[in-house]
């Protein structure tokens, strides 16, 4: 599209930039990274840290923060520019104008198996070899890719996308505009066993999993249903690949869980919680609104709202940084202690 058309479209969608400049009739054909930019593309710079790329970029338009120095650098290269409060956020909106995910073919593929009592909304797409069992309700615009299996009594909200080879177990409820990526399993049985003298007795998992609107679940992640009640994921929460959420967990709105996070049963997360990669959370732990756990943290108890924790077991991030600094000096400190011990022994011998 033309540069001027891009600005008009962004404004019409409510994403108007703070300002822009350059040739209005500039032809834009896509987007590229600032470090690997291509001609006739849009790229972005988040701040002065990446300013050195401006002098060598081949892109035609650069999205930048409201910074006079960066703007002058872009103009000196004869490039178009767009200023934004958050360049990365505006770039995300621009990306959505140039690229949309692969859509499913409308209608029901001849090889799909759909139970007679399935309720189909308008414009539903069901791919090859998908299986949709009895009592399922699919909202308007739902897209089910190849080999998806949906167990009985599942509800899928409007415009939700189920990628190939994911499985939605019985009684699960998926809200509107959710995305379930390949290999994810929603609503499988929780890990419920009762120990006895003769071994483990299985406790049936009669609950359900509920995903509110806008939830995204990454590839090969699992969200288990509980014995009773529900496992619930709040609206707009984003779950990365290879994440496990145990039975009976409650996750708030707008949370982000990075790859290989594991939540044991009954964990509660408030709103806007961020768990970085490989964080583990023990049974029944509660993490307050806005808390952050850095990578590989092990959380065994409650975390206050707004706290930032690190380490195993997790402690306040600032304390953990100090502890790590000391840990790295342990060989040196050990050597110093040994020297002091020898000095004390010599003094005693005298």
Protein backbone atom coordinates (compact mmCIF):
# COMPACT_ATOMS: atom_id res chain seq x y z
CA UNK A 1 0.00 0.00 0.00
CA UNK A 2 0.98 3.63 -0.30
CA UNK A 3 2.54 5.31 2.74
CA UNK A 4 -0.34 7.78 2.94
CA UNK A 5 -2.85 4.90 2.78
CA UNK A 6 -1.09 3.21 5.67
CA UNK A 7 -1.46 6.32 7.83
CA UNK A 8 -5.12 6.69 6.87
CA UNK A 9 -5.86 3.05 7.66
CA UNK A 10 -4.15 3.20 11.03
CA UNK A 11 -6.07 6.35 11.92
CA UNK A 12 -9.37 4.82 10.84
CA UNK A 13 -8.70 1.83 13.12
CA UNK A 14 -7.98 4.05 16.11
CA UNK A 15 -4.19 3.63 15.99
CA UNK A 16 -3.27 7.09 14.73
CA UNK A 17 0.48 7.80 15.09
CA UNK A 18 1.76 10.83 16.95
CA UNK A 19 3.25 12.13 13.69
CA UNK A 20 4.68 11.09 10.37
CA UNK A 21 6.77 12.40 7.49
CA UNK A 22 8.18 11.37 4.15
CA UNK A 23 6.89 10.82 0.62
CA UNK A 24 3.12 10.11 0.80
CA UNK A 25 3.14 8.07 -2.42
CA UNK A 26 5.95 5.78 -1.24
CA UNK A 27 5.10 2.19 -2.19
CA UNK A 28 5.22 -0.24 0.75
CA UNK A 29 5.28 -3.99 0.12
CA UNK A 30 5.76 -5.46 3.57
CA UNK A 31 7.70 -5.33 6.82
CA UNK A 32 11.19 -6.29 7.97
CA UNK A 33 13.44 -6.27 11.04
CA UNK A 34 15.63 -3.23 11.51
CA UNK A 35 18.73 -5.48 11.59
CA UNK A 36 17.78 -7.28 8.36
CA UNK A 37 15.71 -4.67 6.58
CA UNK A 38 14.63 -4.79 2.94
CA UNK A 39 13.67 -2.06 0.45
CA UNK A 40 10.01 -0.96 0.32
CA UNK A 41 9.33 -2.22 3.84
CA UNK A 42 8.35 -0.77 7.21
CA UNK A 43 10.56 -1.40 10.22
CA UNK A 44 10.79 0.01 13.75
CA UNK A 45 13.25 1.20 16.39
CA UNK A 46 12.20 1.12 20.04
CA UNK A 47 14.79 3.59 21.30
CA UNK A 48 18.33 5.00 21.15
CA UNK A 49 19.83 1.55 21.82
CA UNK A 50 19.07 0.58 18.22
CA UNK A 51 19.75 3.97 16.62
CA UNK A 52 22.91 2.72 14.88
CA UNK A 53 20.77 0.59 12.55
CA UNK A 54 19.17 3.69 11.04
CA UNK A 55 22.33 4.65 9.15
CA UNK A 56 22.47 1.28 7.39
CA UNK A 57 18.83 0.27 7.01
CA UNK A 58 17.36 -0.45 3.58
CA UNK A 59 13.78 -0.03 4.82
CA UNK A 60 11.68 2.80 3.43
CA UNK A 61 9.77 3.73 6.59
CA UNK A 62 10.87 3.53 10.24
CA UNK A 63 8.52 3.61 13.23
CA UNK A 64 10.26 5.45 16.09
CA UNK A 65 9.42 6.90 19.51
CA UNK A 66 8.88 10.63 19.84
CA UNK A 67 12.58 11.45 19.92
CA UNK A 68 14.06 14.44 18.07
CA UNK A 69 17.47 12.80 17.66
CA UNK A 70 16.05 9.62 16.14
CA UNK A 71 13.74 11.62 13.88
CA UNK A 72 16.67 13.70 12.64
CA UNK A 73 18.67 10.52 11.95
CA UNK A 74 15.84 9.01 9.93
CA UNK A 75 15.27 12.21 7.96
CA UNK A 76 19.01 12.46 7.22
CA UNK A 77 18.75 9.09 5.46
CA UNK A 78 15.79 10.30 3.39
CA UNK A 79 13.45 7.75 4.97
CA UNK A 80 9.80 8.01 5.86
CA UNK A 81 9.05 8.00 9.56
CA UNK A 82 6.18 7.43 11.97
CA UNK A 83 6.33 8.43 15.63
CA UNK A 84 4.38 6.49 18.23
CA UNK A 85 4.03 6.26 22.00
CA UNK A 86 4.98 2.58 21.67
CA UNK A 87 6.74 1.83 18.36
CA UNK A 88 6.50 -1.91 18.89
CA UNK A 89 2.76 -1.76 19.52
CA UNK A 90 2.12 0.36 16.44
CA UNK A 91 4.34 -1.97 14.41
CA UNK A 92 2.18 -4.88 15.58
CA UNK A 93 -0.91 -3.10 14.23
CA UNK A 94 0.89 -2.46 10.93
CA UNK A 95 1.93 -6.10 10.71
CA UNK A 96 -1.73 -7.08 11.00
CA UNK A 97 -2.47 -5.04 7.87
CA UNK A 98 0.12 -6.90 5.78
CA UNK A 99 -0.21 -10.42 7.12
CA UNK A 100 -3.04 -12.63 8.37
CA UNK A 101 -2.71 -16.28 9.46
CA UNK A 102 -3.69 -19.02 7.04
CA UNK A 103 -7.50 -19.31 7.12
CA UNK A 104 -9.35 -22.60 7.04
CA UNK A 105 -11.39 -23.50 4.01
CA UNK A 106 -15.04 -22.61 4.59
CA UNK A 107 -17.44 -25.47 5.12
CA UNK A 108 -16.90 -29.01 6.33
CA UNK A 109 -14.25 -31.16 4.67
CA UNK A 110 -15.52 -34.42 3.21
CA UNK A 111 -13.29 -36.47 5.52
CA UNK A 112 -14.33 -34.72 8.72
CA UNK A 113 -16.60 -36.55 11.16
CA UNK A 114 -19.24 -34.30 12.71
CA UNK A 115 -21.94 -35.68 15.00
CA UNK A 116 -25.52 -35.01 13.83
CA UNK A 117 -26.42 -32.93 16.89
CA UNK A 118 -23.47 -30.52 16.65
CA UNK A 119 -24.66 -26.91 16.61
CA UNK A 120 -22.84 -24.97 13.89
CA UNK A 121 -22.65 -21.19 13.78
CA UNK A 122 -22.34 -19.13 10.63
CA UNK A 123 -19.18 -19.50 8.56
CA UNK A 124 -17.68 -22.45 10.47
CA UNK A 125 -14.70 -24.18 8.83
CA UNK A 126 -13.84 -27.79 9.71
CA UNK A 127 -10.71 -29.29 8.16
CA UNK A 128 -9.74 -32.74 6.94
CA UNK A 129 -10.08 -35.68 9.33
CA UNK A 130 -11.30 -33.50 12.21
CA UNK A 131 -13.67 -35.20 14.66
CA UNK A 132 -16.43 -33.26 16.39
CA UNK A 133 -18.43 -35.41 18.81
CA UNK A 134 -21.97 -35.10 20.10
CA UNK A 135 -23.35 -32.14 22.00
CA UNK A 136 -20.73 -29.71 20.74
CA UNK A 137 -21.61 -26.09 19.99
CA UNK A 138 -19.44 -24.10 17.57
CA UNK A 139 -19.91 -20.33 17.38
CA UNK A 140 -19.82 -18.11 14.32
CA UNK A 141 -16.58 -18.07 12.36
CA UNK A 142 -14.97 -20.92 14.29
CA UNK A 143 -12.06 -22.45 12.36
CA UNK A 144 -11.04 -26.06 13.03
CA UNK A 145 -7.93 -27.22 11.20
CA UNK A 146 -7.05 -30.78 10.18
CA UNK A 147 -7.02 -33.66 12.67
CA UNK A 148 -8.52 -31.69 15.56
CA UNK A 149 -10.54 -33.83 17.99
CA UNK A 150 -13.35 -32.27 20.03
CA UNK A 151 -14.92 -34.45 22.71
CA UNK A 152 -18.63 -34.30 23.66
CA UNK A 153 -20.37 -31.30 25.27
CA UNK A 154 -17.68 -28.78 24.32
CA UNK A 155 -18.56 -25.14 23.60
CA UNK A 156 -16.35 -23.09 21.28
CA UNK A 157 -16.94 -19.34 21.07
CA UNK A 158 -17.13 -17.12 18.01
CA UNK A 159 -14.02 -16.77 15.80
CA UNK A 160 -11.96 -19.17 17.89
CA UNK A 161 -9.20 -20.94 15.96
CA UNK A 162 -8.16 -24.53 16.67
CA UNK A 163 -4.93 -25.44 14.91
CA UNK A 164 -4.13 -28.90 13.57
CA UNK A 165 -3.84 -31.83 15.96
CA UNK A 166 -5.06 -30.13 19.13
CA UNK A 167 -7.54 -31.95 21.37
CA UNK A 168 -10.42 -30.41 23.33
CA UNK A 169 -11.75 -32.77 25.99
CA UNK A 170 -15.31 -33.16 27.25
CA UNK A 171 -17.27 -30.26 28.74
CA UNK A 172 -14.53 -27.71 28.05
CA UNK A 173 -15.70 -24.18 27.33
CA UNK A 174 -13.67 -21.96 25.03
CA UNK A 175 -14.62 -18.30 24.77
CA UNK A 176 -14.62 -16.10 21.70
CA UNK A 177 -11.42 -15.20 19.81
CA UNK A 178 -9.31 -17.88 21.45
CA UNK A 179 -6.39 -19.55 19.65
CA UNK A 180 -5.34 -23.11 20.46
CA UNK A 181 -2.11 -24.10 18.74
CA UNK A 182 -1.06 -27.48 17.39
CA UNK A 183 -0.63 -30.30 19.87
CA UNK A 184 -2.26 -28.47 22.78
CA UNK A 185 -4.62 -30.49 24.98
CA UNK A 186 -7.42 -28.66 26.77
CA UNK A 187 -9.44 -30.37 29.49
CA UNK A 188 -7.66 -33.70 29.85
CA UNK A 189 -7.86 -35.50 33.19
CA UNK A 190 -6.04 -33.91 36.09
CA UNK A 191 -3.38 -35.89 37.94
CA UNK A 192 -5.73 -37.19 40.61
CA UNK A 193 -4.75 -40.34 42.51
CA UNK A 194 -5.33 -41.37 46.14
CA UNK A 195 -2.47 -43.30 47.82
CA UNK A 196 -3.37 -46.54 49.59
CA UNK A 197 -1.42 -49.42 51.02
CA UNK A 198 -2.07 -51.37 47.84
CA UNK A 199 -1.10 -48.54 45.47
CA UNK A 200 -2.76 -45.61 43.79
CA UNK A 201 -6.54 -45.33 43.38
CA UNK A 202 -7.69 -43.17 40.51
CA UNK A 203 -10.01 -40.28 41.34
CA UNK A 204 -12.22 -39.51 38.37
CA UNK A 205 -11.93 -35.94 37.09
CA UNK A 206 -15.49 -34.75 36.56
CA UNK A 207 -14.76 -31.00 36.31
CA UNK A 208 -14.13 -28.86 33.28
CA UNK A 209 -11.74 -26.30 31.79
CA UNK A 210 -12.99 -22.80 30.95
CA UNK A 211 -11.07 -20.41 28.74
CA UNK A 212 -12.41 -16.87 28.71
CA UNK A 213 -12.33 -14.66 25.60
CA UNK A 214 -9.05 -14.00 23.85
CA UNK A 215 -6.99 -16.72 25.53
CA UNK A 216 -4.13 -18.14 23.45
CA UNK A 217 -2.55 -21.52 24.21
CA UNK A 218 0.78 -22.50 22.62
CA UNK A 219 1.87 -25.73 20.98
CA UNK A 220 1.97 -28.87 23.12
CA UNK A 221 0.68 -27.11 26.22
CA UNK A 222 -1.78 -28.84 28.53
CA UNK A 223 -4.56 -27.52 30.75
CA UNK A 224 -6.08 -30.19 33.00
CA UNK A 225 -9.60 -30.43 34.36
CA UNK A 226 -10.14 -31.06 38.11
CA UNK A 227 -12.05 -33.75 39.97
CA UNK A 228 -14.69 -31.16 40.85
CA UNK A 229 -15.28 -27.58 39.77
CA UNK A 230 -13.23 -25.98 37.05
CA UNK A 231 -9.82 -24.87 35.84
CA UNK A 232 -10.25 -21.32 34.53
CA UNK A 233 -8.04 -19.12 32.38
CA UNK A 234 -8.95 -15.43 32.43
CA UNK A 235 -9.61 -13.26 29.41
CA UNK A 236 -6.71 -12.28 27.15
CA UNK A 237 -4.18 -14.44 28.97
CA UNK A 238 -1.39 -15.75 26.75
CA UNK A 239 0.21 -19.17 27.30
CA UNK A 240 3.40 -20.14 25.47
CA UNK A 241 4.47 -23.56 24.18
CA UNK A 242 5.09 -26.52 26.49
CA UNK A 243 3.26 -25.08 29.49
CA UNK A 244 1.45 -27.31 31.97
CA UNK A 245 -1.47 -25.99 34.03
CA UNK A 246 -2.66 -28.43 36.66
CA UNK A 247 -6.19 -29.26 37.73
CA UNK A 248 -8.17 -26.62 39.59
CA UNK A 249 -5.91 -23.67 38.77
CA UNK A 250 -7.39 -20.20 38.38
CA UNK A 251 -5.48 -17.73 36.22
CA UNK A 252 -6.53 -14.10 36.01
CA UNK A 253 -6.86 -11.73 33.09
CA UNK A 254 -4.01 -10.54 30.87
CA UNK A 255 -1.41 -12.91 32.31
CA UNK A 256 1.57 -14.21 30.33
CA UNK A 257 3.16 -17.63 30.90
CA UNK A 258 6.35 -18.33 28.97
CA UNK A 259 7.57 -21.70 27.72
CA UNK A 260 7.91 -24.65 30.11
CA UNK A 261 6.09 -23.02 33.01
CA UNK A 262 4.49 -25.62 35.26
CA UNK A 263 1.63 -24.99 37.68
CA UNK A 264 0.66 -27.67 40.19
CA UNK A 265 -2.95 -28.18 41.21
CA UNK A 266 -5.00 -25.40 42.76
CA UNK A 267 -2.61 -22.55 41.93
CA UNK A 268 -4.19 -19.09 41.74
CA UNK A 269 -2.76 -16.25 39.66
CA UNK A 270 -4.14 -12.73 39.85
CA UNK A 271 -4.46 -10.37 36.88
CA UNK A 272 -1.42 -9.23 34.83
CA UNK A 273 0.92 -11.85 36.30
CA UNK A 274 4.04 -12.71 34.26
CA UNK A 275 5.83 -16.04 34.69
CA UNK A 276 9.06 -16.29 32.67
CA UNK A 277 10.40 -19.52 31.18
CA UNK A 278 10.58 -22.69 33.31
CA UNK A 279 8.97 -21.16 36.40
CA UNK A 280 7.48 -23.82 38.67
CA UNK A 281 4.66 -23.14 41.13
CA UNK A 282 3.73 -25.54 43.93
CA UNK A 283 0.27 -26.74 44.99
CA UNK A 284 -2.23 -24.14 46.19
CA UNK A 285 0.19 -21.22 45.88
CA UNK A 286 -1.31 -17.78 45.29
CA UNK A 287 0.41 -15.14 43.16
CA UNK A 288 -0.98 -11.62 43.44
CA UNK A 289 -1.91 -9.14 40.72
CA UNK A 290 0.95 -7.81 38.65
CA UNK A 291 3.61 -10.08 40.16
CA UNK A 292 6.56 -11.22 38.04
CA UNK A 293 8.69 -14.36 38.42
CA UNK A 294 11.97 -14.49 36.49
CA UNK A 295 13.15 -17.56 34.59
CA UNK A 296 13.53 -20.86 36.49
CA UNK A 297 12.06 -19.48 39.72
CA UNK A 298 10.60 -22.05 42.07
CA UNK A 299 7.56 -20.69 43.92
CA UNK A 300 6.53 -22.71 46.98
CA UNK A 301 4.28 -20.20 48.75
CA UNK A 302 2.32 -17.04 48.18
CA UNK A 303 3.68 -14.03 46.26
CA UNK A 304 2.39 -10.55 47.05
CA UNK A 305 0.80 -8.37 44.40
CA UNK A 306 3.37 -6.41 42.40
CA UNK A 307 6.33 -8.40 43.72
CA UNK A 308 9.24 -9.46 41.51
CA UNK A 309 10.76 -12.77 42.58
CA UNK A 310 13.65 -14.94 41.41
CA UNK A 311 15.54 -18.06 42.40
CA UNK A 312 14.76 -21.43 43.94
CA UNK A 313 13.09 -21.16 46.32
CA UNK A 314 11.86 -17.83 44.98
CA UNK A 315 12.80 -14.72 46.96
CA UNK A 316 12.67 -11.00 46.23
CA UNK A 317 14.54 -10.31 43.01
CA UNK A 318 16.89 -7.72 44.54
CA UNK A 319 17.85 -10.08 47.35
CA UNK A 320 18.36 -12.89 44.86
CA UNK A 321 20.72 -10.72 42.78
CA UNK A 322 22.79 -10.02 45.88
CA UNK A 323 22.80 -13.71 46.76
CA UNK A 324 23.95 -14.65 43.25
CA UNK A 325 26.79 -12.16 43.51
CA UNK A 326 27.89 -13.81 46.76
CA UNK A 327 27.43 -17.30 45.31
CA UNK A 328 29.79 -16.51 42.46
CA UNK A 329 32.43 -15.54 45.02
CA UNK A 330 32.09 -18.70 47.14
CA UNK A 331 35.39 -20.29 46.01
CA UNK A 332 37.22 -17.07 46.82
CA UNK A 333 35.42 -16.73 50.17
CA UNK A 334 36.10 -20.39 50.99
CA UNK A 335 39.79 -19.86 50.33
CA UNK A 336 39.80 -16.76 52.55
CA UNK A 337 38.06 -18.67 55.38
CA UNK A 338 40.64 -21.48 55.16
CA UNK A 339 43.45 -18.94 55.43
CA UNK A 340 41.84 -17.37 58.49
CA UNK A 341 41.43 -20.80 60.09
CA UNK A 342 45.14 -21.55 59.58
CA UNK A 343 46.09 -18.18 61.05
CA UNK A 344 43.94 -18.85 64.13
CA UNK A 345 45.49 -22.29 64.54
CA UNK A 346 49.01 -20.79 64.44
CA UNK A 347 48.02 -18.17 67.00
CA UNK A 348 46.63 -20.86 69.33
CA UNK A 349 49.81 -22.92 68.94
CA UNK A 350 51.89 -19.90 69.98
